[in-house]
Amino acid sequence: MASLRSRIASLLAIAALGLSPASASASAQEHGLDIYFIDVLGGAATLVVTPERESILIDSGWPGFDDRDPKRIAHVLKDVAGLDHLDHLVTTHWHIDHYGGVEGLAKLVRIDRFWDRGLPSDGIAGLDFPDGPKPDDPLLVAYLAASEGKRTILKPGDELPLAGEVSAVVLASGGHVIGAGEAESNARCEDLPADKPEDHSDNARSLALVFRFGAFDFLDCGDLTWNIERQLICPADTISRGAGDEAIDLYQVTHHGMDISNHPTLVRSIRPTVTIMNNGPRKGGSAAVVRLLRSIPSIEANYQMHRNVATGPEDNTDPALIANDSPEGGQFIHVRVEPDGSAFRVRIGENGQERAFKAR
């Protein structure tokens, strides 16, 4: 049934573009999967563009600052990726640095579909909203106006209806996680760090998604925090595809690199090849998380959006892997996955040095 739905979605997308199936297939073969990590100074905005040129933005940064973040997103979408609209906007949770940019962005680009974890007004049993948003919050009012008639709620196990060979599966939503299915017990769970105090914020209720394209896997857990991360990996690993060499190739370091997230058992279990941290100069980039990432043998490169100015060189990554030298920032990180999903390249900005990695 899932493959049939995917095929129908592909044909609808092809028809909308005015292409024949043969020409659409040829076009997809020319493109790989592109992922852009846009600097929103300690917020989040990650743009995924599929081989079929279907676009998915995960979070929209901060409001204000003369629409700084919406303008940065629109620049990457239009001027770098060469697209004229956004197909999907996924909001991981209801914190200002993740959904605050929606109003400004909707003025700059057309947004076709909105996806989120649910709102208090939806009245869904089992969902709570301990820190908002309140009905009169201007950001919520703007979000509802922009998404009217185009909004869908995501729960664990749901899949975004993407055309082609890219899949995007929801692993966590609203504090609930996907079932383990037939996954085997995770041996790393035998020596777990202790849980942290219960997180009553919306961070613990973030959406988490895994994107897959061929052998390549990309994990984005929004601002999910420690105890829910542990549920994703223990007693069984619900994230990785299976045993052996299969792992997460690209890991967006959760919660801007804060140490109330990035559960060591999770990060060691997924065995990432490359990590990208969307921290700000004074937000995220915890020394404990930087040290954790350095301790994991599978990781070949740890990228940061900014240098953490509150810590020293030993608690930041290699300066060559830091995208922005100035506190004002604005430089993005681009990951380009080969059309067959077998390898990927990471570049800072449009003209930075590029590094190549194999997908596992």
Protein backbone atom coordinates (compact mmCIF):
# COMPACT_ATOMS: atom_id res chain seq x y z
CA MET A 1 0.00 0.00 0.00
CA ALA A 2 2.83 2.42 0.89
CA SER A 3 4.54 1.81 -2.46
CA LEU A 4 1.25 2.37 -4.30
CA ARG A 5 0.71 5.67 -2.49
CA SER A 6 4.28 6.68 -3.35
CA ARG A 7 3.70 5.82 -7.02
CA ILE A 8 0.46 7.83 -7.11
CA ALA A 9 2.20 10.79 -5.45
CA SER A 10 4.99 10.55 -8.03
CA LEU A 11 2.55 10.57 -10.95
CA LEU A 12 0.64 13.53 -9.51
CA ALA A 13 3.88 15.46 -9.06
CA ILE A 14 4.94 14.63 -12.61
CA ALA A 15 1.58 15.78 -13.98
CA ALA A 16 1.79 19.02 -12.00
CA LEU A 17 5.16 19.75 -13.59
CA GLY A 18 3.85 18.98 -17.06
CA LEU A 19 6.42 16.22 -17.60
CA SER A 20 6.06 12.74 -19.00
CA PRO A 21 7.11 9.89 -16.65
CA ALA A 22 10.16 9.25 -18.86
CA SER A 23 11.34 12.87 -18.81
CA ALA A 24 10.71 13.14 -15.05
CA SER A 25 12.81 10.00 -14.49
CA ALA A 26 15.63 11.40 -16.59
CA SER A 27 15.46 14.71 -14.70
CA ALA A 28 15.62 12.93 -11.32
CA GLN A 29 18.68 10.96 -12.45
CA GLU A 30 20.50 14.25 -13.08
CA HIS A 31 19.94 15.43 -9.50
CA GLY A 32 20.78 13.92 -6.18
CA LEU A 33 19.34 14.85 -2.81
CA ASP A 34 20.29 18.32 -1.55
CA ILE A 35 20.17 19.42 2.10
CA TYR A 36 20.85 23.02 3.11
CA PHE A 37 21.47 23.99 6.73
CA ILE A 38 20.53 27.67 6.82
CA ASP A 39 22.04 29.88 9.50
CA VAL A 40 19.30 31.36 11.66
CA LEU A 41 21.58 32.11 14.60
CA GLY A 42 20.66 29.36 17.02
CA GLY A 43 17.24 28.64 15.56
CA ALA A 44 16.51 25.96 12.99
CA ALA A 45 15.85 25.97 9.25
CA THR A 46 16.87 22.92 7.22
CA LEU A 47 15.88 22.73 3.56
CA VAL A 48 15.70 19.34 1.83
CA VAL A 49 15.35 19.20 -1.98
CA THR A 50 14.66 15.82 -3.55
CA PRO A 51 15.90 14.63 -6.97
CA GLU A 52 12.42 15.47 -8.31
CA ARG A 53 12.97 19.05 -7.04
CA GLU A 54 10.36 18.68 -4.31
CA SER A 55 11.21 20.91 -1.35
CA ILE A 56 10.78 20.31 2.38
CA LEU A 57 11.73 22.98 4.93
CA ILE A 58 12.11 21.78 8.51
CA ASP A 59 11.47 24.78 10.77
CA SER A 60 11.57 28.45 9.84
CA GLY A 61 13.82 30.24 12.32
CA TRP A 62 13.11 33.36 14.37
CA PRO A 63 10.67 36.21 13.75
CA GLY A 64 11.75 39.85 13.66
CA PHE A 65 15.14 41.34 12.80
CA ASP A 66 13.59 42.79 9.62
CA ASP A 67 12.63 39.24 8.56
CA ARG A 68 16.28 38.19 8.62
CA ASP A 69 15.58 34.45 8.77
CA PRO A 70 12.78 34.31 6.18
CA LYS A 71 15.02 36.28 3.82
CA ARG A 72 17.90 33.85 4.37
CA ILE A 73 15.60 30.89 3.74
CA ALA A 74 14.13 32.47 0.60
CA HIS A 75 17.63 33.23 -0.70
CA VAL A 76 18.72 29.60 -0.41
CA LEU A 77 15.43 28.28 -1.81
CA LYS A 78 15.30 30.64 -4.79
CA ASP A 79 18.82 31.78 -5.57
CA VAL A 80 20.81 28.70 -4.58
CA ALA A 81 18.41 25.78 -5.05
CA GLY A 82 16.68 27.48 -7.99
CA LEU A 83 13.09 26.88 -6.82
CA ASP A 84 10.16 29.29 -6.89
CA HIS A 85 8.02 27.84 -4.08
CA LEU A 86 8.11 25.56 -1.05
CA ASP A 87 6.22 22.27 -1.27
CA HIS A 88 6.27 21.34 2.43
CA LEU A 89 6.93 23.20 5.68
CA VAL A 90 7.45 20.93 8.70
CA THR A 91 7.37 22.62 12.11
CA THR A 92 8.98 20.37 14.71
CA HIS A 93 7.56 22.15 17.78
CA TRP A 94 6.09 25.40 19.07
CA HIS A 95 9.14 27.38 20.14
CA ILE A 96 9.82 30.80 18.68
CA ASP A 97 13.16 29.88 17.09
CA HIS A 98 11.55 27.03 15.13
CA TYR A 99 8.26 28.47 13.89
CA GLY A 100 8.65 32.21 14.34
CA GLY A 101 9.66 32.84 10.73
CA VAL A 102 6.48 31.48 9.15
CA GLU A 103 4.67 34.81 8.73
CA GLY A 104 7.63 36.47 7.02
CA LEU A 105 8.39 33.43 4.89
CA ALA A 106 4.79 33.15 3.66
CA LYS A 107 5.09 36.70 2.32
CA LEU A 108 8.20 35.78 0.32
CA VAL A 109 7.38 32.35 -1.11
CA ARG A 110 4.35 30.20 -1.76
CA ILE A 111 4.02 27.36 0.77
CA ASP A 112 1.82 24.49 -0.40
CA ARG A 113 1.54 22.21 2.66
CA PHE A 114 2.11 22.59 6.39
CA TRP A 115 2.94 19.75 8.80
CA ASP A 116 3.20 19.91 12.60
CA ARG A 117 2.69 17.93 15.83
CA GLY A 118 -0.76 19.36 16.55
CA LEU A 119 -2.12 22.38 18.43
CA PRO A 120 -4.28 22.79 21.55
CA SER A 121 -7.23 23.81 19.37
CA ASP A 122 -7.08 20.43 17.58
CA GLY A 123 -8.31 18.71 20.76
CA ILE A 124 -6.37 15.49 20.15
CA ALA A 125 -6.32 13.07 23.08
CA GLY A 126 -2.84 12.26 24.36
CA LEU A 127 -1.27 15.56 23.30
CA ASP A 128 -0.35 18.26 25.77
CA PHE A 129 1.07 21.76 25.38
CA PRO A 130 2.73 22.73 28.66
CA ASP A 131 4.30 25.95 27.39
CA GLY A 132 1.92 27.01 24.65
CA PRO A 133 1.27 28.35 22.18
CA LYS A 134 -1.59 30.41 23.59
CA PRO A 135 -4.58 31.17 21.32
CA ASP A 136 -3.76 34.90 21.22
CA ASP A 137 -0.04 34.43 20.52
CA PRO A 138 0.67 36.59 17.42
CA LEU A 139 3.00 33.88 16.08
CA LEU A 140 0.27 31.26 16.32
CA VAL A 141 -2.27 33.59 14.71
CA ALA A 142 0.16 34.14 11.83
CA TYR A 143 0.87 30.41 11.50
CA LEU A 144 -2.83 29.52 11.38
CA ALA A 145 -3.49 32.23 8.80
CA ALA A 146 -0.66 31.02 6.56
CA SER A 147 -1.56 27.33 6.92
CA GLU A 148 -5.34 27.59 6.65
CA GLY A 149 -6.70 24.69 4.64
CA LYS A 150 -3.21 23.27 4.05
CA ARG A 151 -2.25 21.82 7.43
CA THR A 152 -1.75 18.18 8.50
CA ILE A 153 -0.84 16.75 11.92
CA LEU A 154 1.94 14.17 12.08
CA LYS A 155 2.18 11.24 14.48
CA PRO A 156 4.89 8.58 14.93
CA GLY A 157 5.04 6.21 11.97
CA ASP A 158 3.60 8.71 9.49
CA GLU A 159 5.46 9.36 6.25
CA LEU A 160 5.57 12.56 4.22
CA PRO A 161 3.97 11.96 0.79
CA LEU A 162 7.06 12.59 -1.29
CA ALA A 163 7.43 11.69 -4.96
CA GLY A 164 10.30 9.47 -6.09
CA GLU A 165 12.77 7.48 -4.03
CA VAL A 166 13.19 9.74 -0.98
CA SER A 167 11.28 8.73 2.15
CA ALA A 168 10.71 10.78 5.30
CA VAL A 169 9.38 8.87 8.31
CA VAL A 170 8.23 10.44 11.58
CA LEU A 171 10.00 8.79 14.52
CA ALA A 172 8.62 10.95 17.35
CA SER A 173 5.83 13.46 17.84
CA GLY A 174 4.09 14.93 20.86
CA GLY A 175 6.26 12.99 23.31
CA HIS A 176 5.40 9.63 21.69
CA VAL A 177 7.80 7.48 19.66
CA ILE A 178 7.47 5.01 16.82
CA GLY A 179 7.08 1.34 17.69
CA ALA A 180 10.14 -0.89 17.57
CA GLY A 181 8.44 -3.48 15.32
CA GLU A 182 10.79 -6.40 14.80
CA ALA A 183 13.92 -4.51 15.82
CA GLU A 184 16.31 -6.48 17.99
CA SER A 185 17.25 -5.37 21.49
CA ASN A 186 20.04 -2.79 21.56
CA ALA A 187 23.04 -4.15 23.47
CA ARG A 188 24.18 -0.58 24.23
CA CYS A 189 21.14 -0.20 26.48
CA GLU A 190 22.69 -2.49 29.10
CA ASP A 191 24.73 0.43 30.50
CA LEU A 192 22.51 3.48 30.14
CA PRO A 193 23.19 6.93 31.61
CA ALA A 194 20.51 7.97 34.08
CA ASP A 195 17.42 9.79 32.86
CA LYS A 196 17.29 13.54 33.40
CA PRO A 197 14.44 15.30 35.22
CA GLU A 198 11.25 15.22 33.15
CA ASP A 199 11.22 17.91 30.48
CA HIS A 200 7.90 19.74 30.66
CA SER A 201 8.67 21.99 27.67
CA ASP A 202 7.64 21.56 24.05
CA ASN A 203 11.19 20.38 23.26
CA ALA A 204 10.34 16.90 24.56
CA ARG A 205 7.37 16.87 22.18
CA SER A 206 9.36 17.71 19.04
CA LEU A 207 8.89 15.93 15.77
CA ALA A 208 11.82 13.71 14.79
CA LEU A 209 12.24 12.52 11.20
CA VAL A 210 14.59 10.26 9.30
CA PHE A 211 15.09 10.83 5.56
CA ARG A 212 16.33 7.95 3.40
CA PHE A 213 17.60 7.95 -0.17
CA GLY A 214 19.36 4.83 -1.41
CA ALA A 215 22.00 3.94 1.17
CA PHE A 216 21.95 7.47 2.60
CA ASP A 217 20.16 8.34 5.87
CA PHE A 218 19.65 11.79 7.46
CA LEU A 219 18.32 12.23 11.00
CA ASP A 220 16.71 15.45 12.30
CA CYS A 221 15.20 15.29 15.79
CA GLY A 222 14.39 18.98 16.22
CA ASP A 223 14.90 19.87 19.89
CA LEU A 224 13.97 16.44 21.27
CA THR A 225 15.40 15.95 24.75
CA TRP A 226 17.24 13.23 26.63
CA ASN A 227 14.51 10.97 28.01
CA ILE A 228 12.50 10.75 24.76
CA GLU A 229 15.70 10.23 22.78
CA ARG A 230 16.39 7.24 25.00
CA GLN A 231 13.00 5.77 24.12
CA LEU A 232 13.94 5.92 20.42
CA ILE A 233 16.97 3.74 21.00
CA CYS A 234 16.16 1.55 24.04
CA PRO A 235 15.32 -1.22 24.53
CA ALA A 236 15.41 -1.48 20.70
CA ASP A 237 16.90 0.78 18.04
CA THR A 238 13.96 2.27 16.11
CA ILE A 239 16.16 4.59 14.01
CA SER A 240 18.79 2.60 12.14
CA ARG A 241 17.75 0.22 9.37
CA GLY A 242 19.37 -2.83 10.91
CA ALA A 243 22.58 -4.45 12.07
CA GLY A 244 25.94 -4.49 10.34
CA ASP A 245 27.27 -1.40 8.60
CA GLU A 246 23.91 0.37 8.28
CA ALA A 247 23.87 3.63 10.22
CA ILE A 248 22.87 7.29 10.03
CA ASP A 249 25.15 9.03 7.56
CA LEU A 250 24.20 12.61 8.43
CA TYR A 251 23.08 13.68 11.90
CA GLN A 252 21.72 17.15 12.63
CA VAL A 253 23.01 17.52 16.18
CA THR A 254 19.86 17.74 18.25
CA HIS A 255 18.73 20.91 20.04
CA HIS A 256 21.56 23.09 18.68
CA GLY A 257 24.10 20.89 20.46
CA MET A 258 22.75 21.29 23.99
CA ASP A 259 23.66 18.69 26.59
CA ILE A 260 20.06 18.21 27.78
CA SER A 261 19.72 16.45 24.43
CA ASN A 262 22.08 14.22 22.41
CA HIS A 263 21.72 11.14 24.59
CA PRO A 264 25.10 9.34 24.35
CA THR A 265 23.46 5.95 23.75
CA LEU A 266 21.49 7.34 20.83
CA VAL A 267 24.48 9.00 19.18
CA ARG A 268 26.69 5.95 19.68
CA SER A 269 23.97 3.64 18.36
CA ILE A 270 23.33 5.57 15.13
CA ARG A 271 27.10 5.82 14.44
CA PRO A 272 26.93 8.95 12.25
CA THR A 273 29.54 9.69 9.59
CA VAL A 274 29.02 13.47 9.56
CA THR A 275 27.33 15.76 12.08
CA ILE A 276 26.09 19.31 11.54
CA MET A 277 25.27 21.49 14.54
CA ASN A 278 22.89 24.43 14.01
CA ASN A 279 24.18 26.39 17.00
CA GLY A 280 24.58 30.12 17.48
CA PRO A 281 27.58 32.03 18.82
CA ARG A 282 26.11 31.88 22.33
CA LYS A 283 23.43 29.23 21.98
CA GLY A 284 24.08 25.49 21.96
CA GLY A 285 27.45 24.03 21.14
CA SER A 286 27.80 22.52 24.61
CA ALA A 287 31.33 21.45 25.47
CA ALA A 288 29.99 18.08 26.66
CA VAL A 289 28.32 17.43 23.30
CA VAL A 290 31.42 18.47 21.33
CA ARG A 291 33.47 16.03 23.42
CA LEU A 292 30.88 13.28 22.92
CA LEU A 293 30.98 13.70 19.14
CA ARG A 294 34.79 13.64 19.15
CA SER A 295 34.73 10.34 21.07
CA ILE A 296 32.70 8.43 18.44
CA PRO A 297 34.96 6.54 16.00
CA SER A 298 32.48 6.53 13.10
CA ILE A 299 32.36 10.33 12.84
CA GLU A 300 34.64 11.70 10.14
CA ALA A 301 33.65 15.37 10.38
CA ASN A 302 31.77 17.53 12.90
CA TYR A 303 30.49 20.77 11.35
CA GLN A 304 29.26 23.75 13.37
CA MET A 305 27.23 26.70 12.14
CA HIS A 306 29.10 29.02 14.54
CA ARG A 307 32.01 28.90 16.93
CA ASN A 308 30.77 28.86 20.50
CA VAL A 309 32.35 32.07 21.79
CA ALA A 310 31.75 31.03 25.41
CA THR A 311 34.10 28.02 25.18
CA GLY A 312 37.68 27.57 24.05
CA PRO A 313 39.18 26.01 20.90
CA GLU A 314 39.33 22.60 22.56
CA ASP A 315 35.54 22.63 22.94
CA ASN A 316 34.77 23.65 19.37
CA THR A 317 35.27 21.69 16.20
CA ASP A 318 38.06 22.19 13.65
CA PRO A 319 37.90 25.88 12.57
CA ALA A 320 37.80 24.72 8.93
CA LEU A 321 34.44 23.07 9.68
CA ILE A 322 32.79 26.17 11.19
CA ALA A 323 30.54 27.93 8.70
CA ASN A 324 30.45 31.43 10.18
CA ASP A 325 33.33 33.43 11.62
CA SER A 326 31.28 36.54 12.44
CA PRO A 327 28.45 36.65 15.00
CA GLU A 328 26.12 38.04 12.30
CA GLY A 329 26.53 34.83 10.32
CA GLY A 330 24.48 34.10 7.23
CA GLN A 331 26.58 31.36 5.62
CA PHE A 332 24.85 28.03 5.00
CA ILE A 333 26.14 24.44 4.80
CA HIS A 334 25.22 22.38 1.74
CA VAL A 335 25.10 18.58 1.65
CA ARG A 336 24.76 17.05 -1.82
CA VAL A 337 23.97 13.33 -2.08
CA GLU A 338 24.87 11.52 -5.30
CA PRO A 339 21.95 10.49 -7.56
CA ASP A 340 22.37 6.84 -6.57
CA GLY A 341 22.58 7.64 -2.84
CA SER A 342 25.98 5.98 -2.51
CA ALA A 343 28.01 8.99 -1.40
CA PHE A 344 27.64 12.62 -0.34
CA ARG A 345 29.60 15.85 -0.27
CA VAL A 346 29.59 18.66 2.28
CA ARG A 347 30.46 22.26 1.42
CA ILE A 348 30.30 25.47 3.43
CA GLY A 349 28.47 28.04 1.30
CA GLU A 350 28.60 28.06 -2.48
CA ASN A 351 32.37 28.30 -2.86
CA GLY A 352 33.85 26.64 0.21
CA GLN A 353 36.07 23.60 0.27
CA GLU A 354 34.13 20.38 -0.37
CA ARG A 355 34.63 17.07 1.41
CA ALA A 356 33.36 13.71 0.19
CA PHE A 357 32.01 10.82 2.26
CA LYS A 358 30.60 7.39 1.49
CA ALA A 359 27.08 6.45 2.52
CA ARG A 360 26.84 3.27 4.60
